[in-house]
Amino acid sequence: MKSRNLILAAVVAGAIAFAAFAIWNPAPAAPQVTFVSLQGEKITTGSLRGKVVLVNFWATDCATCIKEMPDITATYNKYRARGFETIAVAMRHDPPNYVLNYVEKNKLPFTVALDPMGELAKAFGEVKLTPTTFVIDKNGRLVTRILGEPDFAKLHALLEEKLQEL
């Protein structure tokens, strides 16, 4: 009985410590960057406050990126009316004409930005592997980083949660 109470006390203490950690250590702020769309439009992370944002680092020579792009498009179309934004960032090595050709051919409905100097990838934690996807909440905080193709059911559950927050 004594050991059971000790275990229970340890579990409760751990839960309290975790809750305190979560309160005092909220998700980190998204980097303050400016995305430049293929059309030349400048979008800052600051201007996206109040929206839930998916930032996807991808490349036209990445098979997984190409495979996931229809699901990213479907996700954008499903949530955009509720304050959701998607920005697909083409990696530094991706030739701009390849990116433009892919975007036009596939009629991507969301913002696609180039990262010719690799500054965006660096700002988001030295992104080197594609696809790498980030979710930013309405308060401009990084909620998650996903390496590889997302589990879209889990991603949609997270987006539902974040879109309902005030």
C-alpha atoms as a PDB file:
ATOM      1  CA  MET A   1       0.000   0.000   0.000  1.00  0.00           C
ATOM      2  CA  LYS A   2       2.818   2.333   0.912  1.00  0.00           C
ATOM      3  CA  SER A   3       4.573   1.815  -2.430  1.00  0.00           C
ATOM      4  CA  ARG A   4       1.292   2.379  -4.306  1.00  0.00           C
ATOM      5  CA  ASN A   5       0.817   5.713  -2.527  1.00  0.00           C
ATOM      6  CA  LEU A   6       4.411   6.609  -3.296  1.00  0.00           C
ATOM      7  CA  ILE A   7       3.879   5.839  -6.995  1.00  0.00           C
ATOM      8  CA  LEU A   8       0.640   7.813  -7.020  1.00  0.00           C
ATOM      9  CA  ALA A   9       2.390  10.751  -5.359  1.00  0.00           C
ATOM     10  CA  ALA A  10       5.184  10.582  -7.954  1.00  0.00           C
ATOM     11  CA  VAL A  11       2.672  10.535 -10.819  1.00  0.00           C
ATOM     12  CA  VAL A  12       0.781  13.520  -9.374  1.00  0.00           C
ATOM     13  CA  ALA A  13       4.026  15.425  -8.787  1.00  0.00           C
ATOM     14  CA  GLY A  14       5.087  14.695 -12.360  1.00  0.00           C
ATOM     15  CA  ALA A  15       1.773  15.919 -13.733  1.00  0.00           C
ATOM     16  CA  ILE A  16       2.022  19.129 -11.698  1.00  0.00           C
ATOM     17  CA  ALA A  17       5.615  19.661 -12.849  1.00  0.00           C
ATOM     18  CA  PHE A  18       4.602  19.111 -16.490  1.00  0.00           C
ATOM     19  CA  ALA A  19       1.682  21.554 -16.178  1.00  0.00           C
ATOM     20  CA  ALA A  20       3.981  24.158 -14.622  1.00  0.00           C
ATOM     21  CA  PHE A  21       6.541  23.561 -17.394  1.00  0.00           C
ATOM     22  CA  ALA A  22       3.850  24.014 -20.063  1.00  0.00           C
ATOM     23  CA  ILE A  23       2.672  27.249 -18.463  1.00  0.00           C
ATOM     24  CA  TRP A  24       6.164  28.701 -18.088  1.00  0.00           C
ATOM     25  CA  ASN A  25       7.540  27.292 -21.335  1.00  0.00           C
ATOM     26  CA  PRO A  26       4.960  27.838 -24.045  1.00  0.00           C
ATOM     27  CA  ALA A  27       5.660  26.820 -27.640  1.00  0.00           C
ATOM     28  CA  PRO A  28       8.441  28.929 -29.167  1.00  0.00           C
ATOM     29  CA  ALA A  29       7.563  31.860 -31.368  1.00  0.00           C
ATOM     30  CA  ALA A  30       7.701  31.303 -35.106  1.00  0.00           C
ATOM     31  CA  PRO A  31      10.666  33.032 -36.716  1.00  0.00           C
ATOM     32  CA  GLN A  32      10.019  36.555 -37.940  1.00  0.00           C
ATOM     33  CA  VAL A  33      10.522  36.174 -41.672  1.00  0.00           C
ATOM     34  CA  THR A  34       9.171  37.508 -44.942  1.00  0.00           C
ATOM     35  CA  PHE A  35       7.969  35.054 -47.555  1.00  0.00           C
ATOM     36  CA  VAL A  36       8.032  36.285 -51.146  1.00  0.00           C
ATOM     37  CA  SER A  37       5.452  34.554 -53.319  1.00  0.00           C
ATOM     38  CA  LEU A  38       5.990  33.621 -56.947  1.00  0.00           C
ATOM     39  CA  GLN A  39       3.900  36.690 -57.791  1.00  0.00           C
ATOM     40  CA  GLY A  40       6.215  38.937 -55.728  1.00  0.00           C
ATOM     41  CA  GLU A  41       3.791  39.386 -52.819  1.00  0.00           C
ATOM     42  CA  LYS A  42       5.539  39.801 -49.457  1.00  0.00           C
ATOM     43  CA  ILE A  43       3.979  38.045 -46.474  1.00  0.00           C
ATOM     44  CA  THR A  44       5.472  38.317 -42.995  1.00  0.00           C
ATOM     45  CA  THR A  45       4.884  35.864 -40.200  1.00  0.00           C
ATOM     46  CA  GLY A  46       3.640  38.853 -38.210  1.00  0.00           C
ATOM     47  CA  SER A  47       0.939  39.577 -40.802  1.00  0.00           C
ATOM     48  CA  LEU A  48      -0.344  36.004 -40.387  1.00  0.00           C
ATOM     49  CA  ARG A  49      -1.225  36.492 -36.701  1.00  0.00           C
ATOM     50  CA  GLY A  50      -4.784  35.409 -36.019  1.00  0.00           C
ATOM     51  CA  LYS A  51      -4.537  32.556 -38.542  1.00  0.00           C
ATOM     52  CA  VAL A  52      -3.357  28.987 -38.215  1.00  0.00           C
ATOM     53  CA  VAL A  53      -0.548  28.551 -40.727  1.00  0.00           C
ATOM     54  CA  LEU A  54       1.043  25.512 -42.320  1.00  0.00           C
ATOM     55  CA  VAL A  55       4.541  26.147 -43.686  1.00  0.00           C
ATOM     56  CA  ASN A  56       5.773  23.333 -45.907  1.00  0.00           C
ATOM     57  CA  PHE A  57       9.380  23.165 -47.126  1.00  0.00           C
ATOM     58  CA  TRP A  58       9.421  21.122 -50.325  1.00  0.00           C
ATOM     59  CA  ALA A  59      11.179  20.608 -53.650  1.00  0.00           C
ATOM     60  CA  THR A  60      10.120  19.577 -57.131  1.00  0.00           C
ATOM     61  CA  ASP A  61      12.750  16.792 -57.100  1.00  0.00           C
ATOM     62  CA  CYS A  62      11.406  15.302 -53.836  1.00  0.00           C
ATOM     63  CA  ALA A  63       9.144  12.309 -54.532  1.00  0.00           C
ATOM     64  CA  THR A  64       7.515  12.469 -51.087  1.00  0.00           C
ATOM     65  CA  CYS A  65       6.844  16.192 -51.520  1.00  0.00           C
ATOM     66  CA  ILE A  66       5.122  15.589 -54.838  1.00  0.00           C
ATOM     67  CA  LYS A  67       3.146  12.681 -53.356  1.00  0.00           C
ATOM     68  CA  GLU A  68       1.893  14.774 -50.407  1.00  0.00           C
ATOM     69  CA  MET A  69       1.046  17.927 -52.388  1.00  0.00           C
ATOM     70  CA  PRO A  70      -2.538  16.829 -53.283  1.00  0.00           C
ATOM     71  CA  ASP A  71      -3.185  16.213 -49.554  1.00  0.00           C
ATOM     72  CA  ILE A  72      -1.724  19.613 -48.663  1.00  0.00           C
ATOM     73  CA  THR A  73      -3.996  21.165 -51.298  1.00  0.00           C
ATOM     74  CA  ALA A  74      -7.016  19.293 -49.915  1.00  0.00           C
ATOM     75  CA  THR A  75      -6.109  20.394 -46.372  1.00  0.00           C
ATOM     76  CA  TYR A  76      -5.858  24.015 -47.485  1.00  0.00           C
ATOM     77  CA  ASN A  77      -9.196  23.837 -49.303  1.00  0.00           C
ATOM     78  CA  LYS A  78     -10.864  22.194 -46.297  1.00  0.00           C
ATOM     79  CA  TYR A  79      -9.764  24.802 -43.728  1.00  0.00           C
ATOM     80  CA  ARG A  80      -9.032  28.068 -45.568  1.00  0.00           C
ATOM     81  CA  ALA A  81     -12.487  29.538 -44.931  1.00  0.00           C
ATOM     82  CA  ARG A  82     -11.864  29.101 -41.191  1.00  0.00           C
ATOM     83  CA  GLY A  83      -8.703  31.210 -40.968  1.00  0.00           C
ATOM     84  CA  PHE A  84      -6.120  28.715 -42.225  1.00  0.00           C
ATOM     85  CA  GLU A  85      -3.218  29.620 -44.469  1.00  0.00           C
ATOM     86  CA  THR A  86      -0.657  27.492 -46.273  1.00  0.00           C
ATOM     87  CA  ILE A  87       2.735  28.605 -47.525  1.00  0.00           C
ATOM     88  CA  ALA A  88       4.823  26.147 -49.517  1.00  0.00           C
ATOM     89  CA  VAL A  89       8.490  27.149 -49.532  1.00  0.00           C
ATOM     90  CA  ALA A  90      10.558  25.787 -52.404  1.00  0.00           C
ATOM     91  CA  MET A  91      14.062  24.878 -51.272  1.00  0.00           C
ATOM     92  CA  ARG A  92      17.113  26.859 -52.313  1.00  0.00           C
ATOM     93  CA  HIS A  93      18.347  24.273 -54.820  1.00  0.00           C
ATOM     94  CA  ASP A  94      15.027  24.109 -56.682  1.00  0.00           C
ATOM     95  CA  PRO A  95      15.188  26.030 -59.993  1.00  0.00           C
ATOM     96  CA  PRO A  96      12.492  28.747 -59.954  1.00  0.00           C
ATOM     97  CA  ASN A  97      11.236  27.749 -63.428  1.00  0.00           C
ATOM     98  CA  TYR A  98      10.662  24.167 -62.174  1.00  0.00           C
ATOM     99  CA  VAL A  99       8.705  25.505 -59.203  1.00  0.00           C
ATOM    100  CA  LEU A 100       6.624  27.839 -61.363  1.00  0.00           C
ATOM    101  CA  ASN A 101       5.927  25.049 -63.866  1.00  0.00           C
ATOM    102  CA  TYR A 102       4.801  22.670 -61.087  1.00  0.00           C
ATOM    103  CA  VAL A 103       2.582  25.312 -59.448  1.00  0.00           C
ATOM    104  CA  GLU A 104       0.893  26.225 -62.738  1.00  0.00           C
ATOM    105  CA  LYS A 105       0.504  22.623 -63.918  1.00  0.00           C
ATOM    106  CA  ASN A 106      -1.033  21.541 -60.589  1.00  0.00           C
ATOM    107  CA  LYS A 107      -2.967  24.773 -59.962  1.00  0.00           C
ATOM    108  CA  LEU A 108      -1.779  25.083 -56.360  1.00  0.00           C
ATOM    109  CA  PRO A 109      -4.316  27.354 -54.618  1.00  0.00           C
ATOM    110  CA  PHE A 110      -2.066  28.569 -51.788  1.00  0.00           C
ATOM    111  CA  THR A 111       1.006  30.772 -51.556  1.00  0.00           C
ATOM    112  CA  VAL A 112       4.215  29.323 -52.931  1.00  0.00           C
ATOM    113  CA  ALA A 113       7.424  31.113 -52.000  1.00  0.00           C
ATOM    114  CA  LEU A 114      10.994  30.771 -53.173  1.00  0.00           C
ATOM    115  CA  ASP A 115      13.973  30.635 -50.792  1.00  0.00           C
ATOM    116  CA  PRO A 116      16.872  31.433 -53.168  1.00  0.00           C
ATOM    117  CA  MET A 117      19.389  32.204 -50.414  1.00  0.00           C
ATOM    118  CA  GLY A 118      18.180  29.546 -47.969  1.00  0.00           C
ATOM    119  CA  GLU A 119      17.302  32.204 -45.396  1.00  0.00           C
ATOM    120  CA  LEU A 120      13.816  30.856 -44.673  1.00  0.00           C
ATOM    121  CA  ALA A 121      15.104  27.306 -44.209  1.00  0.00           C
ATOM    122  CA  LYS A 122      17.784  28.631 -41.861  1.00  0.00           C
ATOM    123  CA  ALA A 123      15.284  30.699 -39.847  1.00  0.00           C
ATOM    124  CA  PHE A 124      13.072  27.641 -39.341  1.00  0.00           C
ATOM    125  CA  GLY A 125      15.892  25.693 -37.712  1.00  0.00           C
ATOM    126  CA  GLU A 126      18.237  24.806 -40.560  1.00  0.00           C
ATOM    127  CA  VAL A 127      15.697  22.848 -42.617  1.00  0.00           C
ATOM    128  CA  LYS A 128      17.659  20.526 -44.882  1.00  0.00           C
ATOM    129  CA  LEU A 129      15.299  17.585 -45.440  1.00  0.00           C
ATOM    130  CA  THR A 130      12.132  17.728 -47.496  1.00  0.00           C
ATOM    131  CA  PRO A 131       9.361  17.665 -46.844  1.00  0.00           C
ATOM    132  CA  THR A 132       9.475  19.465 -43.518  1.00  0.00           C
ATOM    133  CA  THR A 133       6.205  20.957 -42.317  1.00  0.00           C
ATOM    134  CA  PHE A 134       5.488  23.407 -39.502  1.00  0.00           C
ATOM    135  CA  VAL A 135       2.191  24.454 -37.942  1.00  0.00           C
ATOM    136  CA  ILE A 136       1.984  27.935 -36.443  1.00  0.00           C
ATOM    137  CA  ASP A 137      -0.934  28.825 -34.172  1.00  0.00           C
ATOM    138  CA  LYS A 138      -2.999  32.034 -34.173  1.00  0.00           C
ATOM    139  CA  ASN A 139      -0.611  33.592 -31.654  1.00  0.00           C
ATOM    140  CA  GLY A 140       2.418  33.076 -33.879  1.00  0.00           C
ATOM    141  CA  ARG A 141       3.834  30.110 -31.967  1.00  0.00           C
ATOM    142  CA  LEU A 142       5.340  26.993 -33.521  1.00  0.00           C
ATOM    143  CA  VAL A 143       3.060  24.118 -32.584  1.00  0.00           C
ATOM    144  CA  THR A 144       4.783  21.268 -34.382  1.00  0.00           C
ATOM    145  CA  ARG A 145       7.513  20.305 -36.827  1.00  0.00           C
ATOM    146  CA  ILE A 146       6.906  17.264 -39.023  1.00  0.00           C
ATOM    147  CA  LEU A 147       9.732  15.585 -40.916  1.00  0.00           C
ATOM    148  CA  GLY A 148       8.523  13.597 -43.896  1.00  0.00           C
ATOM    149  CA  GLU A 149       4.956  13.178 -45.040  1.00  0.00           C
ATOM    150  CA  PRO A 150       2.459  14.102 -42.313  1.00  0.00           C
ATOM    151  CA  ASP A 151      -0.132  11.718 -40.972  1.00  0.00           C
ATOM    152  CA  PHE A 152      -2.953  13.818 -42.399  1.00  0.00           C
ATOM    153  CA  ALA A 153      -5.583  12.481 -39.975  1.00  0.00           C
ATOM    154  CA  LYS A 154      -3.423  13.634 -37.044  1.00  0.00           C
ATOM    155  CA  LEU A 155      -2.610  16.906 -38.806  1.00  0.00           C
ATOM    156  CA  HIS A 156      -6.311  17.606 -39.385  1.00  0.00           C
ATOM    157  CA  ALA A 157      -7.079  16.863 -35.719  1.00  0.00           C
ATOM    158  CA  LEU A 158      -4.359  19.346 -34.693  1.00  0.00           C
ATOM    159  CA  LEU A 159      -5.670  21.967 -37.120  1.00  0.00           C
ATOM    160  CA  GLU A 160      -9.231  21.517 -35.812  1.00  0.00           C
ATOM    161  CA  GLU A 161      -7.955  22.091 -32.282  1.00  0.00           C
ATOM    162  CA  LYS A 162      -5.885  25.153 -33.187  1.00  0.00           C
ATOM    163  CA  LEU A 163      -8.601  26.715 -35.329  1.00  0.00           C
ATOM    164  CA  GLN A 164     -11.015  26.544 -32.383  1.00  0.00           C
ATOM    165  CA  GLU A 165      -8.647  28.371 -30.030  1.00  0.00           C
ATOM    166  CA  LEU A 166      -9.213  32.061 -29.466  1.00  0.00           C
END
